[in-house]
């Protein structure tokens, strides 16, 4: 299993990585990106072996207003047919996370809910 975590906060990247490492088999690959632009570079570089799961924050760099950077990133991912089977999960404190997830038909987990490891289970259902 290949996972990409995209968040501009090193603390959140470290937190998500530790939680996922504790849940997944040792052979799982976890990659990280510190911005939506870096996330796009990573999915492009891995086009021949796409990520199975992509976790993304919404509120990162401000270059994509009026869209959140994470919303822009989701739109980019959806342009690649190689990522049609990839599960995309928004993990964010953005107040409209549920409506954005519905708009793009992706999963979401509000950041306050990340405090409970059991909430990560839905990512791998």
C-alpha atoms as a PDB file:
ATOM      1  CA  UNK A   1       0.000   0.000   0.000  1.00  0.00           C
ATOM      2  CA  UNK A   2       1.254   3.472  -0.950  1.00  0.00           C
ATOM      3  CA  UNK A   3       0.082   6.554   0.909  1.00  0.00           C
ATOM      4  CA  UNK A   4       0.745  10.252   0.333  1.00  0.00           C
ATOM      5  CA  UNK A   5       0.247  12.737   3.180  1.00  0.00           C
ATOM      6  CA  UNK A   6       0.027  16.365   2.023  1.00  0.00           C
ATOM      7  CA  UNK A   7       0.033  19.080   4.681  1.00  0.00           C
ATOM      8  CA  UNK A   8       1.986  22.292   5.188  1.00  0.00           C
ATOM      9  CA  UNK A   9       2.428  21.550   8.901  1.00  0.00           C
ATOM     10  CA  UNK A  10       5.386  19.330   9.787  1.00  0.00           C
ATOM     11  CA  UNK A  11       3.667  18.509  13.070  1.00  0.00           C
ATOM     12  CA  UNK A  12       0.555  17.165  11.340  1.00  0.00           C
ATOM     13  CA  UNK A  13       2.630  15.228   8.809  1.00  0.00           C
ATOM     14  CA  UNK A  14       4.529  13.600  11.668  1.00  0.00           C
ATOM     15  CA  UNK A  15       1.309  12.859  13.558  1.00  0.00           C
ATOM     16  CA  UNK A  16      -0.447  11.259  10.560  1.00  0.00           C
ATOM     17  CA  UNK A  17       2.685   9.275   9.718  1.00  0.00           C
ATOM     18  CA  UNK A  18       2.992   7.859  13.237  1.00  0.00           C
ATOM     19  CA  UNK A  19      -0.687   6.919  13.415  1.00  0.00           C
ATOM     20  CA  UNK A  20      -0.608   5.220  10.013  1.00  0.00           C
ATOM     21  CA  UNK A  21       2.653   3.401  10.754  1.00  0.00           C
ATOM     22  CA  UNK A  22       1.052   1.977  13.889  1.00  0.00           C
ATOM     23  CA  UNK A  23      -1.961   0.734  11.896  1.00  0.00           C
ATOM     24  CA  UNK A  24      -0.431  -0.536   8.667  1.00  0.00           C
ATOM     25  CA  UNK A  25       1.848  -3.440   7.824  1.00  0.00           C
ATOM     26  CA  UNK A  26       5.588  -2.635   7.751  1.00  0.00           C
ATOM     27  CA  UNK A  27       5.725  -2.889   3.957  1.00  0.00           C
ATOM     28  CA  UNK A  28       3.341   0.065   3.545  1.00  0.00           C
ATOM     29  CA  UNK A  29       5.006   3.058   1.904  1.00  0.00           C
ATOM     30  CA  UNK A  30       4.241   6.491   3.340  1.00  0.00           C
ATOM     31  CA  UNK A  31       5.338   9.525   1.354  1.00  0.00           C
ATOM     32  CA  UNK A  32       4.845  13.179   2.300  1.00  0.00           C
ATOM     33  CA  UNK A  33       4.439  16.566   0.625  1.00  0.00           C
ATOM     34  CA  UNK A  34       4.490  20.000   2.293  1.00  0.00           C
ATOM     35  CA  UNK A  35       2.244  21.768  -0.232  1.00  0.00           C
ATOM     36  CA  UNK A  36      -0.365  21.113  -2.901  1.00  0.00           C
ATOM     37  CA  UNK A  37       2.236  21.873  -5.575  1.00  0.00           C
ATOM     38  CA  UNK A  38       4.660  19.346  -4.076  1.00  0.00           C
ATOM     39  CA  UNK A  39       1.787  16.854  -3.813  1.00  0.00           C
ATOM     40  CA  UNK A  40       1.105  17.266  -7.533  1.00  0.00           C
ATOM     41  CA  UNK A  41       4.796  16.672  -8.269  1.00  0.00           C
ATOM     42  CA  UNK A  42       4.688  13.480  -6.175  1.00  0.00           C
ATOM     43  CA  UNK A  43       1.577  12.057  -7.879  1.00  0.00           C
ATOM     44  CA  UNK A  44       3.089  12.834 -11.276  1.00  0.00           C
ATOM     45  CA  UNK A  45       6.378  11.125 -10.368  1.00  0.00           C
ATOM     46  CA  UNK A  46       4.424   8.077  -9.155  1.00  0.00           C
ATOM     47  CA  UNK A  47       2.066   7.858 -12.132  1.00  0.00           C
ATOM     48  CA  UNK A  48       3.273   4.334 -13.028  1.00  0.00           C
ATOM     49  CA  UNK A  49       2.676   3.127  -9.480  1.00  0.00           C
ATOM     50  CA  UNK A  50      -0.097   5.373  -8.118  1.00  0.00           C
ATOM     51  CA  UNK A  51      -0.786   6.008  -4.467  1.00  0.00           C
ATOM     52  CA  UNK A  52      -3.593   3.934  -2.971  1.00  0.00           C
ATOM     53  CA  UNK A  53      -4.548   6.639  -0.483  1.00  0.00           C
ATOM     54  CA  UNK A  54      -3.909  10.389  -0.524  1.00  0.00           C
ATOM     55  CA  UNK A  55      -4.520  12.434   2.628  1.00  0.00           C
ATOM     56  CA  UNK A  56      -4.642  16.177   2.091  1.00  0.00           C
ATOM     57  CA  UNK A  57      -5.092  19.261   4.188  1.00  0.00           C
ATOM     58  CA  UNK A  58      -7.242  22.023   2.685  1.00  0.00           C
ATOM     59  CA  UNK A  59      -5.602  25.164   4.020  1.00  0.00           C
ATOM     60  CA  UNK A  60      -2.025  25.245   2.738  1.00  0.00           C
ATOM     61  CA  UNK A  61      -0.392  27.743   0.355  1.00  0.00           C
ATOM     62  CA  UNK A  62      -2.619  30.645  -0.688  1.00  0.00           C
ATOM     63  CA  UNK A  63      -1.829  30.596  -4.416  1.00  0.00           C
ATOM     64  CA  UNK A  64      -5.158  29.109  -5.467  1.00  0.00           C
ATOM     65  CA  UNK A  65      -7.704  31.568  -4.082  1.00  0.00           C
ATOM     66  CA  UNK A  66     -10.679  31.446  -4.107  1.00  0.00           C
ATOM     67  CA  UNK A  67     -10.061  27.667  -3.841  1.00  0.00           C
ATOM     68  CA  UNK A  68      -8.273  26.127  -0.909  1.00  0.00           C
ATOM     69  CA  UNK A  69      -4.918  24.647  -1.969  1.00  0.00           C
ATOM     70  CA  UNK A  70      -6.193  21.191  -1.014  1.00  0.00           C
ATOM     71  CA  UNK A  71      -9.272  21.621  -3.189  1.00  0.00           C
ATOM     72  CA  UNK A  72      -7.042  22.612  -6.116  1.00  0.00           C
ATOM     73  CA  UNK A  73      -4.920  19.516  -5.409  1.00  0.00           C
ATOM     74  CA  UNK A  74      -7.967  17.230  -5.456  1.00  0.00           C
ATOM     75  CA  UNK A  75      -8.995  18.687  -8.815  1.00  0.00           C
ATOM     76  CA  UNK A  76      -5.520  17.925 -10.177  1.00  0.00           C
ATOM     77  CA  UNK A  77      -5.560  14.342  -8.881  1.00  0.00           C
ATOM     78  CA  UNK A  78      -8.944  13.758 -10.541  1.00  0.00           C
ATOM     79  CA  UNK A  79      -7.471  14.630 -13.972  1.00  0.00           C
ATOM     80  CA  UNK A  80      -5.267  11.510 -13.915  1.00  0.00           C
ATOM     81  CA  UNK A  81      -7.070   8.281 -14.874  1.00  0.00           C
ATOM     82  CA  UNK A  82      -4.284   6.375 -13.093  1.00  0.00           C
ATOM     83  CA  UNK A  83      -5.688   7.741  -9.817  1.00  0.00           C
ATOM     84  CA  UNK A  84      -9.322   6.760 -10.433  1.00  0.00           C
ATOM     85  CA  UNK A  85      -9.107   4.048  -7.772  1.00  0.00           C
ATOM     86  CA  UNK A  86      -7.133   6.122  -5.278  1.00  0.00           C
ATOM     87  CA  UNK A  87      -8.964   6.960  -2.076  1.00  0.00           C
ATOM     88  CA  UNK A  88      -8.684  10.680  -1.350  1.00  0.00           C
ATOM     89  CA  UNK A  89      -9.252  11.857   2.210  1.00  0.00           C
ATOM     90  CA  UNK A  90      -9.457  15.482   3.293  1.00  0.00           C
ATOM     91  CA  UNK A  91      -8.061  15.946   6.795  1.00  0.00           C
ATOM     92  CA  UNK A  92      -8.621  19.572   7.688  1.00  0.00           C
ATOM     93  CA  UNK A  93      -9.959  22.114  10.147  1.00  0.00           C
ATOM     94  CA  UNK A  94     -11.692  23.977   7.291  1.00  0.00           C
ATOM     95  CA  UNK A  95     -15.277  24.724   8.351  1.00  0.00           C
ATOM     96  CA  UNK A  96     -16.749  23.579   5.019  1.00  0.00           C
ATOM     97  CA  UNK A  97     -14.841  20.281   4.821  1.00  0.00           C
ATOM     98  CA  UNK A  98     -18.021  18.182   4.529  1.00  0.00           C
ATOM     99  CA  UNK A  99     -19.396  20.128   1.552  1.00  0.00           C
ATOM    100  CA  UNK A 100     -16.025  20.070  -0.245  1.00  0.00           C
ATOM    101  CA  UNK A 101     -15.759  16.313   0.288  1.00  0.00           C
ATOM    102  CA  UNK A 102     -19.262  15.858  -1.115  1.00  0.00           C
ATOM    103  CA  UNK A 103     -18.520  18.077  -4.120  1.00  0.00           C
ATOM    104  CA  UNK A 104     -15.553  15.883  -5.120  1.00  0.00           C
ATOM    105  CA  UNK A 105     -16.875  12.555  -3.848  1.00  0.00           C
ATOM    106  CA  UNK A 106     -13.985  12.033  -1.429  1.00  0.00           C
ATOM    107  CA  UNK A 107     -13.753  11.086   2.247  1.00  0.00           C
ATOM    108  CA  UNK A 108     -13.079  13.559   5.030  1.00  0.00           C
ATOM    109  CA  UNK A 109     -11.896  13.574   8.601  1.00  0.00           C
ATOM    110  CA  UNK A 110     -12.013  16.859  10.543  1.00  0.00           C
ATOM    111  CA  UNK A 111      -8.670  17.545  12.248  1.00  0.00           C
ATOM    112  CA  UNK A 112     -10.211  17.539  15.732  1.00  0.00           C
ATOM    113  CA  UNK A 113     -11.382  13.951  15.028  1.00  0.00           C
ATOM    114  CA  UNK A 114      -7.775  12.946  14.278  1.00  0.00           C
ATOM    115  CA  UNK A 115      -7.067  12.943  17.983  1.00  0.00           C
ATOM    116  CA  UNK A 116      -8.683   9.494  18.141  1.00  0.00           C
ATOM    117  CA  UNK A 117      -6.715   6.867  16.257  1.00  0.00           C
ATOM    118  CA  UNK A 118      -9.910   4.836  15.732  1.00  0.00           C
ATOM    119  CA  UNK A 119     -11.245   7.530  13.384  1.00  0.00           C
ATOM    120  CA  UNK A 120      -8.534   6.646  10.860  1.00  0.00           C
ATOM    121  CA  UNK A 121     -10.183   3.245  10.354  1.00  0.00           C
ATOM    122  CA  UNK A 122     -12.670   4.596   7.806  1.00  0.00           C
ATOM    123  CA  UNK A 123      -9.771   5.520   5.527  1.00  0.00           C
ATOM    124  CA  UNK A 124      -9.019   1.841   4.971  1.00  0.00           C
ATOM    125  CA  UNK A 125     -12.569   0.467   4.765  1.00  0.00           C
END
